[in-house]
Amino acid sequence: MNKLNIKNRPFLFETIIGCLIIIFIVLIAGLRNVGFDRDSIQYYNIIINLDYSNPLSLIDKEPFFILIAIISKYIFFDQVRGVFFIFAFLGVIIKFYTIKKISEFPYLSLIIYMSLYFILHEMTQIRAGVAAGIFLLSLPNIVNRNYKNYFFKVLLATLFHYSSLVMVPLYCLNPKKINRLFYVFLPFLGILLAKINFIEYFFLKFLNIIPEGIGGKVKLYYQVLQYGDMSEINLLNIYYISLIAINIILVFNIYYISKYIIQVKLLSIMIFVFYSFSFFPILAFRISEFIGVVLIVLLPSMIRIFKQKIIVTSIIIFYSLGMLYNYLFIQKLLNI
């Protein structure tokens, strides 16, 4: 009996620590003041102006967002903060569960999540944050070719954020083979397409042939963005340049991380999308950041490639913390 208890102590300790971390960061995200992050004021205005008696006014809102807003209205004194809390809880729980389930190096994955995605997903893009967690959880379904579970998760993620529909074509990726030259050069192809405005040309042509009700709104949004604060993307920003370097290392060392072929392909696609859709900044950022959640489990896999495990682990930690500092610094500098 004593031996059994001793064996269970590490698991019990990890569980307690994990629960305390979850509670702590959920409280941070859920109890933040409106205006702390760049999206909270927008969410505040949407939530307090929801007209539940007029179904037509709710068409452009995701079903689960409306459901959570209704639940929050009846169980929290502050409906807006209740919505923040529920989304933070769901986003954190799903990602913690996924890290524990599919990451070979869960502690390192946790550091990467906290550095690269916690603020972005659980304190800014709260709907996309939950959807991205579901996407990360769905990756084994691509590997195992379990289309029923995968497309159920696609549906679930889409009910949280419509951008999750980008998951649909990703199921076609081959989890067993990779064309190394193609996935090394795919990000550079994205840069080339951005420079010659290739995707933008066909995007605008596409808007002209879809129904005016949809195309008109997207076109207007696109035109507003052209003259807004984020009308241009810095193609040489340090984060995506570093991801290109990481992508090259991973692709050419795929032999050591063959179980992560899908994640490596998704990293290459993430970078391609960011550059090729740079003419439409919000689209480029949202889709690339959504797909980029694979970094939570992919970056730690680099430990398998090099013999100097401690050095590589340290570099990954410093890289993640450096990107966090860079993100916070830029956010403060731009006052967004």
C-alpha atoms as a PDB file:
ATOM      1  CA  MET A   1       0.000   0.000   0.000  1.00  0.00           C
ATOM      2  CA  ASN A   2       2.830   2.405   0.885  1.00  0.00           C
ATOM      3  CA  LYS A   3       4.569   1.655  -2.420  1.00  0.00           C
ATOM      4  CA  LEU A   4       1.378   2.448  -4.307  1.00  0.00           C
ATOM      5  CA  ASN A   5       1.015   5.730  -2.472  1.00  0.00           C
ATOM      6  CA  ILE A   6       4.626   6.671  -3.201  1.00  0.00           C
ATOM      7  CA  LYS A   7       4.141   5.976  -6.906  1.00  0.00           C
ATOM      8  CA  ASN A   8       0.992   8.075  -6.977  1.00  0.00           C
ATOM      9  CA  ARG A   9       2.561  11.090  -5.253  1.00  0.00           C
ATOM     10  CA  PRO A  10       4.224  12.596  -8.357  1.00  0.00           C
ATOM     11  CA  PHE A  11       0.951  12.317 -10.307  1.00  0.00           C
ATOM     12  CA  LEU A  12      -1.011  13.805  -7.389  1.00  0.00           C
ATOM     13  CA  PHE A  13       1.523  16.618  -7.039  1.00  0.00           C
ATOM     14  CA  GLU A  14       1.415  17.381 -10.780  1.00  0.00           C
ATOM     15  CA  THR A  15      -2.385  17.358 -10.717  1.00  0.00           C
ATOM     16  CA  ILE A  16      -2.558  19.793  -7.809  1.00  0.00           C
ATOM     17  CA  ILE A  17       0.034  22.127  -9.362  1.00  0.00           C
ATOM     18  CA  GLY A  18      -1.729  21.922 -12.729  1.00  0.00           C
ATOM     19  CA  CYS A  19      -5.096  22.782 -11.173  1.00  0.00           C
ATOM     20  CA  LEU A  20      -3.598  25.740  -9.289  1.00  0.00           C
ATOM     21  CA  ILE A  21      -2.007  27.079 -12.490  1.00  0.00           C
ATOM     22  CA  ILE A  22      -5.281  26.687 -14.375  1.00  0.00           C
ATOM     23  CA  ILE A  23      -7.254  28.496 -11.653  1.00  0.00           C
ATOM     24  CA  PHE A  24      -4.666  31.277 -11.485  1.00  0.00           C
ATOM     25  CA  ILE A  25      -4.476  32.037 -15.206  1.00  0.00           C
ATOM     26  CA  VAL A  26      -8.239  31.636 -15.722  1.00  0.00           C
ATOM     27  CA  LEU A  27      -8.777  34.243 -13.008  1.00  0.00           C
ATOM     28  CA  ILE A  28      -6.241  36.543 -14.662  1.00  0.00           C
ATOM     29  CA  ALA A  29      -7.974  36.282 -18.040  1.00  0.00           C
ATOM     30  CA  GLY A  30     -11.538  36.176 -16.728  1.00  0.00           C
ATOM     31  CA  LEU A  31     -11.303  39.037 -14.243  1.00  0.00           C
ATOM     32  CA  ARG A  32      -9.392  41.516 -16.417  1.00  0.00           C
ATOM     33  CA  ASN A  33     -10.946  44.931 -16.839  1.00  0.00           C
ATOM     34  CA  VAL A  34     -12.612  45.985 -20.062  1.00  0.00           C
ATOM     35  CA  GLY A  35     -10.028  47.912 -22.041  1.00  0.00           C
ATOM     36  CA  PHE A  36      -7.071  45.888 -20.751  1.00  0.00           C
ATOM     37  CA  ASP A  37      -6.683  44.252 -24.168  1.00  0.00           C
ATOM     38  CA  ARG A  38      -7.525  45.540 -27.629  1.00  0.00           C
ATOM     39  CA  ASP A  39     -10.643  43.384 -28.199  1.00  0.00           C
ATOM     40  CA  SER A  40     -12.403  43.607 -24.825  1.00  0.00           C
ATOM     41  CA  ILE A  41     -14.118  46.929 -25.545  1.00  0.00           C
ATOM     42  CA  GLN A  42     -15.509  45.513 -28.781  1.00  0.00           C
ATOM     43  CA  TYR A  43     -16.757  42.430 -26.940  1.00  0.00           C
ATOM     44  CA  TYR A  44     -18.315  44.650 -24.271  1.00  0.00           C
ATOM     45  CA  ASN A  45     -20.282  46.605 -26.881  1.00  0.00           C
ATOM     46  CA  ILE A  46     -21.418  43.437 -28.661  1.00  0.00           C
ATOM     47  CA  ILE A  47     -22.557  41.684 -25.476  1.00  0.00           C
ATOM     48  CA  ILE A  48     -24.531  44.571 -23.977  1.00  0.00           C
ATOM     49  CA  ASN A  49     -26.216  45.274 -27.332  1.00  0.00           C
ATOM     50  CA  LEU A  50     -27.261  41.710 -28.142  1.00  0.00           C
ATOM     51  CA  ASP A  51     -30.952  41.693 -29.060  1.00  0.00           C
ATOM     52  CA  TYR A  52     -32.163  38.178 -28.263  1.00  0.00           C
ATOM     53  CA  SER A  53     -35.682  39.005 -29.482  1.00  0.00           C
ATOM     54  CA  ASN A  54     -34.450  39.688 -33.014  1.00  0.00           C
ATOM     55  CA  PRO A  55     -32.915  36.518 -34.542  1.00  0.00           C
ATOM     56  CA  LEU A  56     -31.786  38.421 -37.652  1.00  0.00           C
ATOM     57  CA  SER A  57     -29.481  40.591 -35.542  1.00  0.00           C
ATOM     58  CA  LEU A  58     -27.727  37.457 -34.258  1.00  0.00           C
ATOM     59  CA  ILE A  59     -26.960  35.851 -37.634  1.00  0.00           C
ATOM     60  CA  ASP A  60     -23.384  37.144 -37.786  1.00  0.00           C
ATOM     61  CA  LYS A  61     -22.621  35.949 -34.223  1.00  0.00           C
ATOM     62  CA  GLU A  62     -21.371  32.421 -33.578  1.00  0.00           C
ATOM     63  CA  PRO A  63     -24.006  30.181 -31.888  1.00  0.00           C
ATOM     64  CA  PHE A  64     -21.800  29.277 -28.919  1.00  0.00           C
ATOM     65  CA  PHE A  65     -20.933  32.927 -28.355  1.00  0.00           C
ATOM     66  CA  ILE A  66     -24.637  33.738 -28.084  1.00  0.00           C
ATOM     67  CA  LEU A  67     -25.229  30.698 -25.852  1.00  0.00           C
ATOM     68  CA  ILE A  68     -22.397  31.670 -23.492  1.00  0.00           C
ATOM     69  CA  ALA A  69     -23.643  35.265 -23.393  1.00  0.00           C
ATOM     70  CA  ILE A  70     -27.122  34.004 -22.385  1.00  0.00           C
ATOM     71  CA  ILE A  71     -25.703  31.662 -19.733  1.00  0.00           C
ATOM     72  CA  SER A  72     -23.531  34.459 -18.353  1.00  0.00           C
ATOM     73  CA  LYS A  73     -26.508  36.788 -18.182  1.00  0.00           C
ATOM     74  CA  TYR A  74     -28.319  34.473 -15.771  1.00  0.00           C
ATOM     75  CA  ILE A  75     -25.493  33.122 -13.590  1.00  0.00           C
ATOM     76  CA  PHE A  76     -23.122  36.109 -13.256  1.00  0.00           C
ATOM     77  CA  PHE A  77     -23.752  39.530 -11.760  1.00  0.00           C
ATOM     78  CA  ASP A  78     -21.573  41.008 -14.510  1.00  0.00           C
ATOM     79  CA  GLN A  79     -22.546  39.470 -17.857  1.00  0.00           C
ATOM     80  CA  VAL A  80     -19.491  40.769 -19.749  1.00  0.00           C
ATOM     81  CA  ARG A  81     -16.983  39.539 -17.205  1.00  0.00           C
ATOM     82  CA  GLY A  82     -18.876  36.260 -17.027  1.00  0.00           C
ATOM     83  CA  VAL A  83     -18.395  35.778 -20.769  1.00  0.00           C
ATOM     84  CA  PHE A  84     -14.683  36.505 -20.379  1.00  0.00           C
ATOM     85  CA  PHE A  85     -14.446  33.999 -17.543  1.00  0.00           C
ATOM     86  CA  ILE A  86     -16.266  31.193 -19.373  1.00  0.00           C
ATOM     87  CA  PHE A  87     -14.205  31.603 -22.553  1.00  0.00           C
ATOM     88  CA  ALA A  88     -10.986  31.767 -20.536  1.00  0.00           C
ATOM     89  CA  PHE A  89     -11.923  28.597 -18.657  1.00  0.00           C
ATOM     90  CA  LEU A  90     -12.766  26.711 -21.862  1.00  0.00           C
ATOM     91  CA  GLY A  91      -9.665  27.916 -23.711  1.00  0.00           C
ATOM     92  CA  VAL A  92      -7.265  27.062 -20.887  1.00  0.00           C
ATOM     93  CA  ILE A  93      -8.842  23.704 -20.025  1.00  0.00           C
ATOM     94  CA  ILE A  94      -8.878  22.503 -23.644  1.00  0.00           C
ATOM     95  CA  LYS A  95      -5.249  23.478 -24.228  1.00  0.00           C
ATOM     96  CA  PHE A  96      -4.046  21.991 -20.933  1.00  0.00           C
ATOM     97  CA  TYR A  97      -5.863  18.752 -21.713  1.00  0.00           C
ATOM     98  CA  THR A  98      -4.457  18.677 -25.243  1.00  0.00           C
ATOM     99  CA  ILE A  99      -0.913  19.354 -24.054  1.00  0.00           C
ATOM    100  CA  LYS A 100      -1.167  16.527 -21.542  1.00  0.00           C
ATOM    101  CA  LYS A 101      -2.631  14.193 -24.155  1.00  0.00           C
ATOM    102  CA  ILE A 102      -0.434  14.748 -27.230  1.00  0.00           C
ATOM    103  CA  SER A 103       2.761  16.549 -26.192  1.00  0.00           C
ATOM    104  CA  GLU A 104       5.930  14.543 -25.549  1.00  0.00           C
ATOM    105  CA  PHE A 105       7.301  17.434 -23.505  1.00  0.00           C
ATOM    106  CA  PRO A 106       4.263  18.853 -21.677  1.00  0.00           C
ATOM    107  CA  TYR A 107       6.168  21.248 -19.395  1.00  0.00           C
ATOM    108  CA  LEU A 108       7.943  22.837 -22.344  1.00  0.00           C
ATOM    109  CA  SER A 109       4.666  22.958 -24.292  1.00  0.00           C
ATOM    110  CA  LEU A 110       3.096  24.734 -21.338  1.00  0.00           C
ATOM    111  CA  ILE A 111       5.820  27.396 -21.371  1.00  0.00           C
ATOM    112  CA  ILE A 112       5.336  27.900 -25.110  1.00  0.00           C
ATOM    113  CA  TYR A 113       1.567  28.154 -24.680  1.00  0.00           C
ATOM    114  CA  MET A 114       1.892  30.718 -21.896  1.00  0.00           C
ATOM    115  CA  SER A 115       4.440  32.728 -23.885  1.00  0.00           C
ATOM    116  CA  LEU A 116       2.974  32.666 -27.384  1.00  0.00           C
ATOM    117  CA  TYR A 117      -0.746  32.036 -27.059  1.00  0.00           C
ATOM    118  CA  PHE A 118      -2.213  32.664 -23.612  1.00  0.00           C
ATOM    119  CA  ILE A 119      -2.489  36.451 -23.987  1.00  0.00           C
ATOM    120  CA  LEU A 120      -3.423  36.229 -27.660  1.00  0.00           C
ATOM    121  CA  HIS A 121      -6.124  33.569 -27.283  1.00  0.00           C
ATOM    122  CA  GLU A 122      -7.489  33.749 -23.755  1.00  0.00           C
ATOM    123  CA  MET A 123      -7.263  37.528 -23.311  1.00  0.00           C
ATOM    124  CA  THR A 124      -7.814  38.856 -26.834  1.00  0.00           C
ATOM    125  CA  GLN A 125      -9.212  36.487 -29.465  1.00  0.00           C
ATOM    126  CA  ILE A 126     -11.365  34.608 -26.971  1.00  0.00           C
ATOM    127  CA  ARG A 127     -13.653  32.865 -29.481  1.00  0.00           C
ATOM    128  CA  ALA A 128     -10.789  31.909 -31.797  1.00  0.00           C
ATOM    129  CA  GLY A 129      -8.825  30.845 -28.712  1.00  0.00           C
ATOM    130  CA  VAL A 130     -11.299  28.100 -27.836  1.00  0.00           C
ATOM    131  CA  ALA A 131     -11.615  27.083 -31.496  1.00  0.00           C
ATOM    132  CA  ALA A 132      -7.821  26.871 -31.876  1.00  0.00           C
ATOM    133  CA  GLY A 133      -7.638  24.618 -28.819  1.00  0.00           C
ATOM    134  CA  ILE A 134     -10.164  22.273 -30.431  1.00  0.00           C
ATOM    135  CA  PHE A 135      -8.123  22.345 -33.648  1.00  0.00           C
ATOM    136  CA  LEU A 136      -4.979  21.376 -31.744  1.00  0.00           C
ATOM    137  CA  LEU A 137      -6.911  18.529 -30.129  1.00  0.00           C
ATOM    138  CA  SER A 138      -8.079  17.339 -33.557  1.00  0.00           C
ATOM    139  CA  LEU A 139      -4.584  16.775 -35.016  1.00  0.00           C
ATOM    140  CA  PRO A 140      -4.359  13.098 -33.952  1.00  0.00           C
ATOM    141  CA  ASN A 141      -7.566  12.533 -35.917  1.00  0.00           C
ATOM    142  CA  ILE A 142      -5.771  13.634 -39.102  1.00  0.00           C
ATOM    143  CA  VAL A 143      -2.884  11.291 -38.333  1.00  0.00           C
ATOM    144  CA  ASN A 144      -5.228   8.379 -37.573  1.00  0.00           C
ATOM    145  CA  ARG A 145      -7.525   9.273 -40.519  1.00  0.00           C
ATOM    146  CA  ASN A 146     -10.505   9.379 -38.191  1.00  0.00           C
ATOM    147  CA  TYR A 147     -12.673  11.665 -40.280  1.00  0.00           C
ATOM    148  CA  LYS A 148     -15.776  11.343 -38.080  1.00  0.00           C
ATOM    149  CA  ASN A 149     -14.063  12.666 -34.958  1.00  0.00           C
ATOM    150  CA  TYR A 150     -12.150  15.247 -36.960  1.00  0.00           C
ATOM    151  CA  PHE A 151     -15.164  16.781 -38.666  1.00  0.00           C
ATOM    152  CA  PHE A 152     -17.121  16.685 -35.433  1.00  0.00           C
ATOM    153  CA  LYS A 153     -14.353  18.871 -33.973  1.00  0.00           C
ATOM    154  CA  VAL A 154     -14.509  21.072 -37.082  1.00  0.00           C
ATOM    155  CA  LEU A 155     -18.212  21.616 -36.407  1.00  0.00           C
ATOM    156  CA  LEU A 156     -17.583  22.250 -32.727  1.00  0.00           C
ATOM    157  CA  ALA A 157     -14.784  24.740 -33.425  1.00  0.00           C
ATOM    158  CA  THR A 158     -16.865  26.514 -36.077  1.00  0.00           C
ATOM    159  CA  LEU A 159     -19.686  27.051 -33.591  1.00  0.00           C
ATOM    160  CA  PHE A 160     -17.159  29.012 -31.542  1.00  0.00           C
ATOM    161  CA  HIS A 161     -15.558  30.868 -34.464  1.00  0.00           C
ATOM    162  CA  TYR A 162     -16.431  30.731 -38.146  1.00  0.00           C
ATOM    163  CA  SER A 163     -12.769  30.957 -39.195  1.00  0.00           C
ATOM    164  CA  SER A 164     -12.449  27.334 -38.061  1.00  0.00           C
ATOM    165  CA  LEU A 165     -13.753  26.311 -41.487  1.00  0.00           C
ATOM    166  CA  VAL A 166     -10.113  26.522 -42.602  1.00  0.00           C
ATOM    167  CA  MET A 167      -9.778  23.156 -40.853  1.00  0.00           C
ATOM    168  CA  VAL A 168     -11.808  21.417 -43.576  1.00  0.00           C
ATOM    169  CA  PRO A 169      -9.148  21.189 -46.336  1.00  0.00           C
ATOM    170  CA  LEU A 170      -6.393  20.427 -43.813  1.00  0.00           C
ATOM    171  CA  TYR A 171      -7.733  16.900 -43.406  1.00  0.00           C
ATOM    172  CA  CYS A 172      -6.401  16.182 -46.911  1.00  0.00           C
ATOM    173  CA  LEU A 173      -2.796  16.505 -45.716  1.00  0.00           C
ATOM    174  CA  ASN A 174      -0.843  13.247 -45.875  1.00  0.00           C
ATOM    175  CA  PRO A 175       0.362  12.410 -42.325  1.00  0.00           C
ATOM    176  CA  LYS A 176       2.948   9.870 -43.515  1.00  0.00           C
ATOM    177  CA  LYS A 177       4.856  11.532 -46.357  1.00  0.00           C
ATOM    178  CA  ILE A 178       6.314  14.980 -46.937  1.00  0.00           C
ATOM    179  CA  ASN A 179       7.854  16.659 -49.949  1.00  0.00           C
ATOM    180  CA  ARG A 180      10.707  18.399 -48.169  1.00  0.00           C
ATOM    181  CA  LEU A 181      11.611  20.824 -50.947  1.00  0.00           C
ATOM    182  CA  PHE A 182       7.982  21.897 -51.359  1.00  0.00           C
ATOM    183  CA  TYR A 183       7.445  22.651 -47.659  1.00  0.00           C
ATOM    184  CA  VAL A 184      10.788  24.435 -47.349  1.00  0.00           C
ATOM    185  CA  PHE A 185      10.016  26.740 -50.270  1.00  0.00           C
ATOM    186  CA  LEU A 186       6.284  27.216 -49.550  1.00  0.00           C
ATOM    187  CA  PRO A 187       6.905  30.183 -47.167  1.00  0.00           C
ATOM    188  CA  PHE A 188       9.151  31.818 -49.784  1.00  0.00           C
ATOM    189  CA  LEU A 189       6.412  31.296 -52.361  1.00  0.00           C
ATOM    190  CA  GLY A 190       4.099  33.189 -50.015  1.00  0.00           C
ATOM    191  CA  ILE A 191       6.558  36.107 -49.899  1.00  0.00           C
ATOM    192  CA  LEU A 192       6.801  36.113 -53.699  1.00  0.00           C
ATOM    193  CA  LEU A 193       3.014  36.100 -54.110  1.00  0.00           C
ATOM    194  CA  ALA A 194       2.769  38.979 -51.641  1.00  0.00           C
ATOM    195  CA  LYS A 195       5.307  40.997 -53.609  1.00  0.00           C
ATOM    196  CA  ILE A 196       3.497  40.565 -56.948  1.00  0.00           C
ATOM    197  CA  ASN A 197      -0.031  40.894 -55.433  1.00  0.00           C
ATOM    198  CA  PHE A 198      -1.040  37.589 -57.013  1.00  0.00           C
ATOM    199  CA  ILE A 199      -3.481  36.408 -54.339  1.00  0.00           C
ATOM    200  CA  GLU A 200      -4.940  39.891 -53.927  1.00  0.00           C
ATOM    201  CA  TYR A 201      -5.859  40.034 -57.623  1.00  0.00           C
ATOM    202  CA  PHE A 202      -7.809  36.763 -57.511  1.00  0.00           C
ATOM    203  CA  PHE A 203      -9.294  37.595 -54.113  1.00  0.00           C
ATOM    204  CA  LEU A 204     -10.857  40.802 -55.479  1.00  0.00           C
ATOM    205  CA  LYS A 205     -12.066  38.930 -58.582  1.00  0.00           C
ATOM    206  CA  PHE A 206     -13.704  36.383 -56.280  1.00  0.00           C
ATOM    207  CA  LEU A 207     -15.467  39.138 -54.330  1.00  0.00           C
ATOM    208  CA  ASN A 208     -17.011  40.393 -57.549  1.00  0.00           C
ATOM    209  CA  ILE A 209     -18.702  37.080 -58.349  1.00  0.00           C
ATOM    210  CA  ILE A 210     -20.120  36.156 -54.931  1.00  0.00           C
ATOM    211  CA  PRO A 211     -23.492  37.575 -53.792  1.00  0.00           C
ATOM    212  CA  GLU A 212     -23.421  41.282 -53.031  1.00  0.00           C
ATOM    213  CA  GLY A 213     -24.772  40.732 -49.527  1.00  0.00           C
ATOM    214  CA  ILE A 214     -21.606  38.849 -48.607  1.00  0.00           C
ATOM    215  CA  GLY A 215     -19.102  40.244 -51.099  1.00  0.00           C
ATOM    216  CA  GLY A 216     -20.162  43.838 -50.464  1.00  0.00           C
ATOM    217  CA  LYS A 217     -19.480  43.602 -46.748  1.00  0.00           C
ATOM    218  CA  VAL A 218     -16.130  41.889 -47.204  1.00  0.00           C
ATOM    219  CA  LYS A 219     -15.110  44.384 -49.890  1.00  0.00           C
ATOM    220  CA  LEU A 220     -16.085  47.311 -47.666  1.00  0.00           C
ATOM    221  CA  TYR A 221     -14.135  45.769 -44.786  1.00  0.00           C
ATOM    222  CA  TYR A 222     -11.153  45.311 -47.072  1.00  0.00           C
ATOM    223  CA  GLN A 223     -11.310  48.943 -48.225  1.00  0.00           C
ATOM    224  CA  VAL A 224     -11.548  50.215 -44.648  1.00  0.00           C
ATOM    225  CA  LEU A 225      -8.503  48.140 -43.701  1.00  0.00           C
ATOM    226  CA  GLN A 226      -6.523  49.643 -46.569  1.00  0.00           C
ATOM    227  CA  TYR A 227      -6.694  53.008 -44.857  1.00  0.00           C
ATOM    228  CA  GLY A 228      -6.646  51.803 -41.272  1.00  0.00           C
ATOM    229  CA  ASP A 229      -3.935  51.446 -38.656  1.00  0.00           C
ATOM    230  CA  MET A 230      -3.043  47.940 -39.885  1.00  0.00           C
ATOM    231  CA  SER A 231      -3.077  48.618 -43.635  1.00  0.00           C
ATOM    232  CA  GLU A 232       0.357  47.067 -44.076  1.00  0.00           C
ATOM    233  CA  ILE A 233       2.188  44.056 -42.666  1.00  0.00           C
ATOM    234  CA  ASN A 234       5.878  44.122 -42.003  1.00  0.00           C
ATOM    235  CA  LEU A 235       7.012  41.166 -44.104  1.00  0.00           C
ATOM    236  CA  LEU A 236      10.363  41.130 -42.324  1.00  0.00           C
ATOM    237  CA  ASN A 237       8.996  40.954 -38.770  1.00  0.00           C
ATOM    238  CA  ILE A 238      11.246  38.962 -36.448  1.00  0.00           C
ATOM    239  CA  TYR A 239       8.630  36.397 -35.438  1.00  0.00           C
ATOM    240  CA  TYR A 240       7.815  35.070 -38.907  1.00  0.00           C
ATOM    241  CA  ILE A 241      11.409  35.286 -40.085  1.00  0.00           C
ATOM    242  CA  SER A 242      12.372  33.092 -37.125  1.00  0.00           C
ATOM    243  CA  LEU A 243       9.575  30.671 -38.012  1.00  0.00           C
ATOM    244  CA  ILE A 244      10.980  30.321 -41.529  1.00  0.00           C
ATOM    245  CA  ALA A 245      14.328  29.294 -40.018  1.00  0.00           C
ATOM    246  CA  ILE A 246      12.606  26.850 -37.649  1.00  0.00           C
ATOM    247  CA  ASN A 247      10.592  25.429 -40.534  1.00  0.00           C
ATOM    248  CA  ILE A 248      13.765  24.737 -42.545  1.00  0.00           C
ATOM    249  CA  ILE A 249      15.380  22.963 -39.580  1.00  0.00           C
ATOM    250  CA  LEU A 250      12.308  20.823 -38.941  1.00  0.00           C
ATOM    251  CA  VAL A 251      11.682  19.860 -42.572  1.00  0.00           C
ATOM    252  CA  PHE A 252      15.249  18.807 -43.259  1.00  0.00           C
ATOM    253  CA  ASN A 253      15.351  16.809 -40.022  1.00  0.00           C
ATOM    254  CA  ILE A 254      11.942  15.214 -40.448  1.00  0.00           C
ATOM    255  CA  TYR A 255      13.519  11.771 -40.017  1.00  0.00           C
ATOM    256  CA  TYR A 256      13.950  12.474 -36.304  1.00  0.00           C
ATOM    257  CA  ILE A 257      10.418  13.801 -35.829  1.00  0.00           C
ATOM    258  CA  SER A 258       8.437  11.693 -38.313  1.00  0.00           C
ATOM    259  CA  LYS A 259       5.441  11.564 -35.965  1.00  0.00           C
ATOM    260  CA  TYR A 260       5.089  15.338 -36.390  1.00  0.00           C
ATOM    261  CA  ILE A 261       4.779  15.448 -40.184  1.00  0.00           C
ATOM    262  CA  ILE A 262       1.314  17.024 -40.002  1.00  0.00           C
ATOM    263  CA  GLN A 263       2.495  19.711 -37.574  1.00  0.00           C
ATOM    264  CA  VAL A 264       5.523  20.521 -39.741  1.00  0.00           C
ATOM    265  CA  LYS A 265       3.319  20.862 -42.816  1.00  0.00           C
ATOM    266  CA  LEU A 266       0.955  23.117 -40.899  1.00  0.00           C
ATOM    267  CA  LEU A 267       3.830  25.361 -39.804  1.00  0.00           C
ATOM    268  CA  SER A 268       4.857  25.817 -43.439  1.00  0.00           C
ATOM    269  CA  ILE A 269       1.235  26.512 -44.428  1.00  0.00           C
ATOM    270  CA  MET A 270       0.897  28.965 -41.544  1.00  0.00           C
ATOM    271  CA  ILE A 271       3.841  31.036 -42.808  1.00  0.00           C
ATOM    272  CA  PHE A 272       2.606  30.826 -46.419  1.00  0.00           C
ATOM    273  CA  VAL A 273      -0.848  32.105 -45.428  1.00  0.00           C
ATOM    274  CA  PHE A 274       0.619  34.987 -43.423  1.00  0.00           C
ATOM    275  CA  TYR A 275       2.673  36.272 -46.342  1.00  0.00           C
ATOM    276  CA  SER A 276       0.389  35.494 -49.274  1.00  0.00           C
ATOM    277  CA  PHE A 277      -2.631  37.153 -47.583  1.00  0.00           C
ATOM    278  CA  SER A 278      -0.632  40.077 -46.200  1.00  0.00           C
ATOM    279  CA  PHE A 279      -2.735  42.432 -48.366  1.00  0.00           C
ATOM    280  CA  PHE A 280      -5.616  41.661 -45.968  1.00  0.00           C
ATOM    281  CA  PRO A 281      -3.873  41.937 -42.559  1.00  0.00           C
ATOM    282  CA  ILE A 282      -6.676  40.769 -40.283  1.00  0.00           C
ATOM    283  CA  LEU A 283      -7.215  37.678 -42.457  1.00  0.00           C
ATOM    284  CA  ALA A 284      -3.479  36.946 -42.634  1.00  0.00           C
ATOM    285  CA  PHE A 285      -3.053  37.221 -38.871  1.00  0.00           C
ATOM    286  CA  ARG A 286      -6.211  35.378 -37.866  1.00  0.00           C
ATOM    287  CA  ILE A 287      -5.723  32.336 -40.095  1.00  0.00           C
ATOM    288  CA  SER A 288      -1.969  32.046 -39.524  1.00  0.00           C
ATOM    289  CA  GLU A 289      -2.361  32.444 -35.758  1.00  0.00           C
ATOM    290  CA  PHE A 290      -5.130  29.848 -35.747  1.00  0.00           C
ATOM    291  CA  ILE A 291      -3.017  27.269 -37.599  1.00  0.00           C
ATOM    292  CA  GLY A 292       0.095  28.307 -35.668  1.00  0.00           C
ATOM    293  CA  VAL A 293      -1.248  26.844 -32.446  1.00  0.00           C
ATOM    294  CA  VAL A 294       0.587  23.679 -33.568  1.00  0.00           C
ATOM    295  CA  LEU A 295       3.776  25.362 -32.311  1.00  0.00           C
ATOM    296  CA  ILE A 296       2.719  24.407 -28.786  1.00  0.00           C
ATOM    297  CA  VAL A 297       3.555  20.771 -29.514  1.00  0.00           C
ATOM    298  CA  LEU A 298       5.880  21.251 -32.485  1.00  0.00           C
ATOM    299  CA  LEU A 299       8.600  23.481 -31.010  1.00  0.00           C
ATOM    300  CA  PRO A 300       9.439  21.005 -28.210  1.00  0.00           C
ATOM    301  CA  SER A 301       9.946  18.288 -30.836  1.00  0.00           C
ATOM    302  CA  MET A 302      13.201  20.035 -31.823  1.00  0.00           C
ATOM    303  CA  ILE A 303      14.737  18.402 -28.746  1.00  0.00           C
ATOM    304  CA  ARG A 304      14.666  15.133 -30.686  1.00  0.00           C
ATOM    305  CA  ILE A 305      16.831  16.567 -33.471  1.00  0.00           C
ATOM    306  CA  PHE A 306      19.889  17.638 -31.454  1.00  0.00           C
ATOM    307  CA  LYS A 307      22.092  15.769 -29.017  1.00  0.00           C
ATOM    308  CA  GLN A 308      22.510  18.757 -26.698  1.00  0.00           C
ATOM    309  CA  LYS A 309      19.065  18.376 -25.123  1.00  0.00           C
ATOM    310  CA  ILE A 310      19.576  20.850 -22.276  1.00  0.00           C
ATOM    311  CA  ILE A 311      20.968  23.530 -24.580  1.00  0.00           C
ATOM    312  CA  VAL A 312      18.132  23.116 -27.081  1.00  0.00           C
ATOM    313  CA  THR A 313      15.539  23.185 -24.292  1.00  0.00           C
ATOM    314  CA  SER A 314      17.069  26.404 -22.950  1.00  0.00           C
ATOM    315  CA  ILE A 315      17.072  27.984 -26.421  1.00  0.00           C
ATOM    316  CA  ILE A 316      13.391  27.107 -26.932  1.00  0.00           C
ATOM    317  CA  ILE A 317      12.485  28.610 -23.544  1.00  0.00           C
ATOM    318  CA  PHE A 318      14.449  31.805 -24.202  1.00  0.00           C
ATOM    319  CA  TYR A 319      12.967  32.030 -27.697  1.00  0.00           C
ATOM    320  CA  SER A 320       9.414  31.729 -26.338  1.00  0.00           C
ATOM    321  CA  LEU A 321      10.026  34.291 -23.597  1.00  0.00           C
ATOM    322  CA  GLY A 322      11.709  36.573 -26.130  1.00  0.00           C
ATOM    323  CA  MET A 323       8.679  36.424 -28.408  1.00  0.00           C
ATOM    324  CA  LEU A 324       6.447  37.182 -25.409  1.00  0.00           C
ATOM    325  CA  TYR A 325       8.556  40.231 -24.568  1.00  0.00           C
ATOM    326  CA  ASN A 326       8.501  41.297 -28.212  1.00  0.00           C
ATOM    327  CA  TYR A 327       4.700  40.937 -28.347  1.00  0.00           C
ATOM    328  CA  LEU A 328       4.148  42.915 -25.151  1.00  0.00           C
ATOM    329  CA  PHE A 329       6.641  45.591 -26.155  1.00  0.00           C
ATOM    330  CA  ILE A 330       5.047  46.114 -29.570  1.00  0.00           C
ATOM    331  CA  GLN A 331       1.564  46.131 -28.022  1.00  0.00           C
ATOM    332  CA  LYS A 332       2.620  48.813 -25.542  1.00  0.00           C
ATOM    333  CA  LEU A 333       4.478  50.787 -28.195  1.00  0.00           C
ATOM    334  CA  LEU A 334       1.513  50.860 -30.553  1.00  0.00           C
ATOM    335  CA  ASN A 335      -0.961  51.311 -27.685  1.00  0.00           C
ATOM    336  CA  ILE A 336      -3.247  48.557 -28.982  1.00  0.00           C
END
